[in-house]
Amino acid sequence: EVQLVESGGGWVQTGESLKLSCVVSGLSFDEYVTGWFRQAPGKEREGVSSMNSDDGATIYADSVKGRFTISRDNAKNTVYLQMDDLKPEDTAVYYCAATLRGSWSLAAGAIQGEVYEYDYWGQGTQVTVSS
């Protein structure tokens, strides 16, 4: 059974930082692109960032560029999202997702709003940023 389990969410004030983690099990981690998405109340889910397993290429949504950093540790089957300088508009449920490598162009496009569905999803972790 494939599982993606997020952790690290919480409540912070504007300008503070959080680091999300997502532990992946049940698949060959190094064969999957991993990404982060978020959904705010009353809004559609949006892409945040993704990282290619082959070459470490990354992509970010314009709204988080320069503030968020995605990384992964293949030895720990874990993908991270370091979030700095958080803003109230970052408040959302954050989801970890995985899709087969070889789909990088499509996976990256999903971060930019194009239609593509990752294969596996976590249950999400809440991030709340107060002003």
Protein backbone atom coordinates (compact mmCIF):
# COMPACT_ATOMS: atom_id res chain seq x y z
CA GLU A 1 0.00 0.00 0.00
CA VAL A 2 1.34 3.40 -0.99
CA GLN A 3 1.30 5.97 1.80
CA LEU A 4 2.33 9.61 1.90
CA VAL A 5 2.28 11.07 5.40
CA GLU A 6 2.78 14.79 5.90
CA SER A 7 3.85 16.47 9.11
CA GLY A 8 5.17 19.81 10.29
CA GLY A 9 2.16 22.02 9.82
CA GLY A 10 1.06 24.44 12.47
CA TRP A 11 0.17 27.97 13.41
CA VAL A 12 2.72 30.74 12.94
CA GLN A 13 2.80 34.50 12.63
CA THR A 14 3.63 36.49 9.50
CA GLY A 15 7.31 36.31 8.64
CA GLU A 16 7.98 33.09 10.51
CA SER A 17 9.03 29.73 9.07
CA LEU A 18 7.82 26.14 8.98
CA LYS A 19 9.29 22.98 7.48
CA LEU A 20 6.93 20.35 6.17
CA SER A 21 7.95 16.72 5.79
CA CYS A 22 6.37 13.92 3.80
CA VAL A 23 7.40 10.33 4.35
CA VAL A 24 6.61 8.08 1.41
CA SER A 25 6.23 4.31 1.62
CA GLY A 26 5.02 1.51 -0.61
CA LEU A 27 6.80 2.63 -3.77
CA SER A 28 10.31 3.07 -5.14
CA PHE A 29 10.86 6.61 -3.95
CA ASP A 30 13.67 7.39 -6.37
CA GLU A 31 11.41 6.54 -9.30
CA TYR A 32 8.88 9.23 -8.42
CA VAL A 33 8.64 12.96 -8.83
CA THR A 34 7.41 14.48 -5.57
CA GLY A 35 5.58 17.73 -5.12
CA TRP A 36 3.57 19.91 -2.80
CA PHE A 37 0.14 21.37 -3.39
CA ARG A 38 -2.15 23.43 -1.18
CA GLN A 39 -5.80 24.27 -0.84
CA ALA A 40 -7.12 27.26 1.01
CA PRO A 41 -10.71 27.45 2.27
CA GLY A 42 -13.10 28.19 -0.58
CA LYS A 43 -10.36 27.97 -3.19
CA GLU A 44 -9.21 25.37 -5.66
CA ARG A 45 -6.13 23.29 -5.03
CA GLU A 46 -2.97 24.87 -6.41
CA GLY A 47 0.54 23.70 -7.07
CA VAL A 48 3.32 24.93 -4.80
CA SER A 49 6.50 23.13 -5.82
CA SER A 50 7.82 19.94 -7.32
CA MET A 51 11.14 18.17 -7.63
CA ASN A 52 12.32 15.72 -10.27
CA SER A 53 13.87 12.52 -8.95
CA ASP A 54 16.22 12.13 -11.94
CA ASP A 55 18.18 15.36 -11.89
CA GLY A 56 16.89 17.30 -8.90
CA ALA A 57 15.22 19.90 -11.09
CA THR A 58 12.71 22.02 -9.21
CA ILE A 59 9.81 24.27 -10.02
CA TYR A 60 7.89 26.72 -7.87
CA ALA A 61 4.65 28.62 -8.10
CA ASP A 62 5.28 32.31 -8.63
CA SER A 63 3.61 33.08 -5.31
CA VAL A 64 6.24 31.18 -3.31
CA LYS A 65 9.42 31.72 -5.33
CA GLY A 66 12.25 32.93 -3.17
CA ARG A 67 10.45 31.96 0.05
CA PHE A 68 9.88 28.20 -0.21
CA THR A 69 12.46 25.49 -0.88
CA ILE A 70 11.72 21.89 -1.81
CA SER A 71 14.20 19.11 -1.11
CA ARG A 72 14.23 15.36 -0.78
CA ASP A 73 16.24 12.69 0.99
CA ASN A 74 16.10 9.47 -0.99
CA ALA A 75 17.70 7.52 1.86
CA LYS A 76 14.79 8.50 4.10
CA ASN A 77 12.07 8.37 1.43
CA THR A 78 11.18 11.88 2.50
CA VAL A 79 10.41 15.12 0.70
CA TYR A 80 10.55 18.46 2.50
CA LEU A 81 9.15 21.94 2.01
CA GLN A 82 10.99 24.70 3.84
CA MET A 83 8.68 27.69 4.06
CA ASP A 84 10.19 31.02 5.05
CA ASP A 85 8.73 34.50 5.35
CA LEU A 86 5.24 33.07 5.60
CA LYS A 87 2.28 35.28 4.78
CA PRO A 88 -1.41 35.02 5.71
CA GLU A 89 -2.17 34.08 2.09
CA ASP A 90 -0.06 30.94 2.59
CA THR A 91 -2.72 29.62 4.97
CA ALA A 92 -3.98 26.32 3.54
CA VAL A 93 -3.93 22.57 3.84
CA TYR A 94 -0.70 21.39 2.27
CA TYR A 95 -0.61 18.09 0.43
CA CYS A 96 2.32 15.95 -0.62
CA ALA A 97 2.00 14.11 -3.92
CA ALA A 98 3.99 11.71 -6.09
CA THR A 99 3.99 10.79 -9.75
CA LEU A 100 6.21 8.55 -11.85
CA ARG A 101 9.44 10.00 -13.15
CA GLY A 102 9.32 10.43 -16.87
CA SER A 103 6.33 12.70 -16.36
CA TRP A 104 8.41 15.67 -15.26
CA SER A 105 7.15 18.09 -17.90
CA LEU A 106 3.57 17.27 -16.99
CA ALA A 107 4.29 17.23 -13.25
CA ALA A 108 6.01 20.58 -13.45
CA GLY A 109 3.16 21.96 -15.51
CA ALA A 110 0.74 21.06 -12.74
CA ILE A 111 2.62 23.43 -10.45
CA GLN A 112 2.00 26.17 -12.99
CA GLY A 113 -1.71 25.45 -13.18
CA GLU A 114 -1.81 23.02 -16.09
CA VAL A 115 -4.06 19.99 -15.88
CA TYR A 116 -2.22 16.92 -14.65
CA GLU A 117 -3.07 14.65 -11.74
CA TYR A 118 -0.31 13.17 -9.63
CA ASP A 119 -0.67 9.45 -8.91
CA TYR A 120 -0.56 9.42 -5.11
CA TRP A 121 -1.55 11.92 -2.43
CA GLY A 122 -1.18 12.41 1.28
CA GLN A 123 -3.93 13.44 3.67
CA GLY A 124 -2.60 16.95 4.15
CA THR A 125 -1.29 19.10 6.97
CA GLN A 126 -2.75 22.44 8.01
CA VAL A 127 -0.65 25.59 7.87
CA THR A 128 -2.11 28.74 9.40
CA VAL A 129 -0.36 32.10 9.21
CA SER A 130 -1.74 34.94 11.28
CA SER A 131 -1.16 38.62 10.57
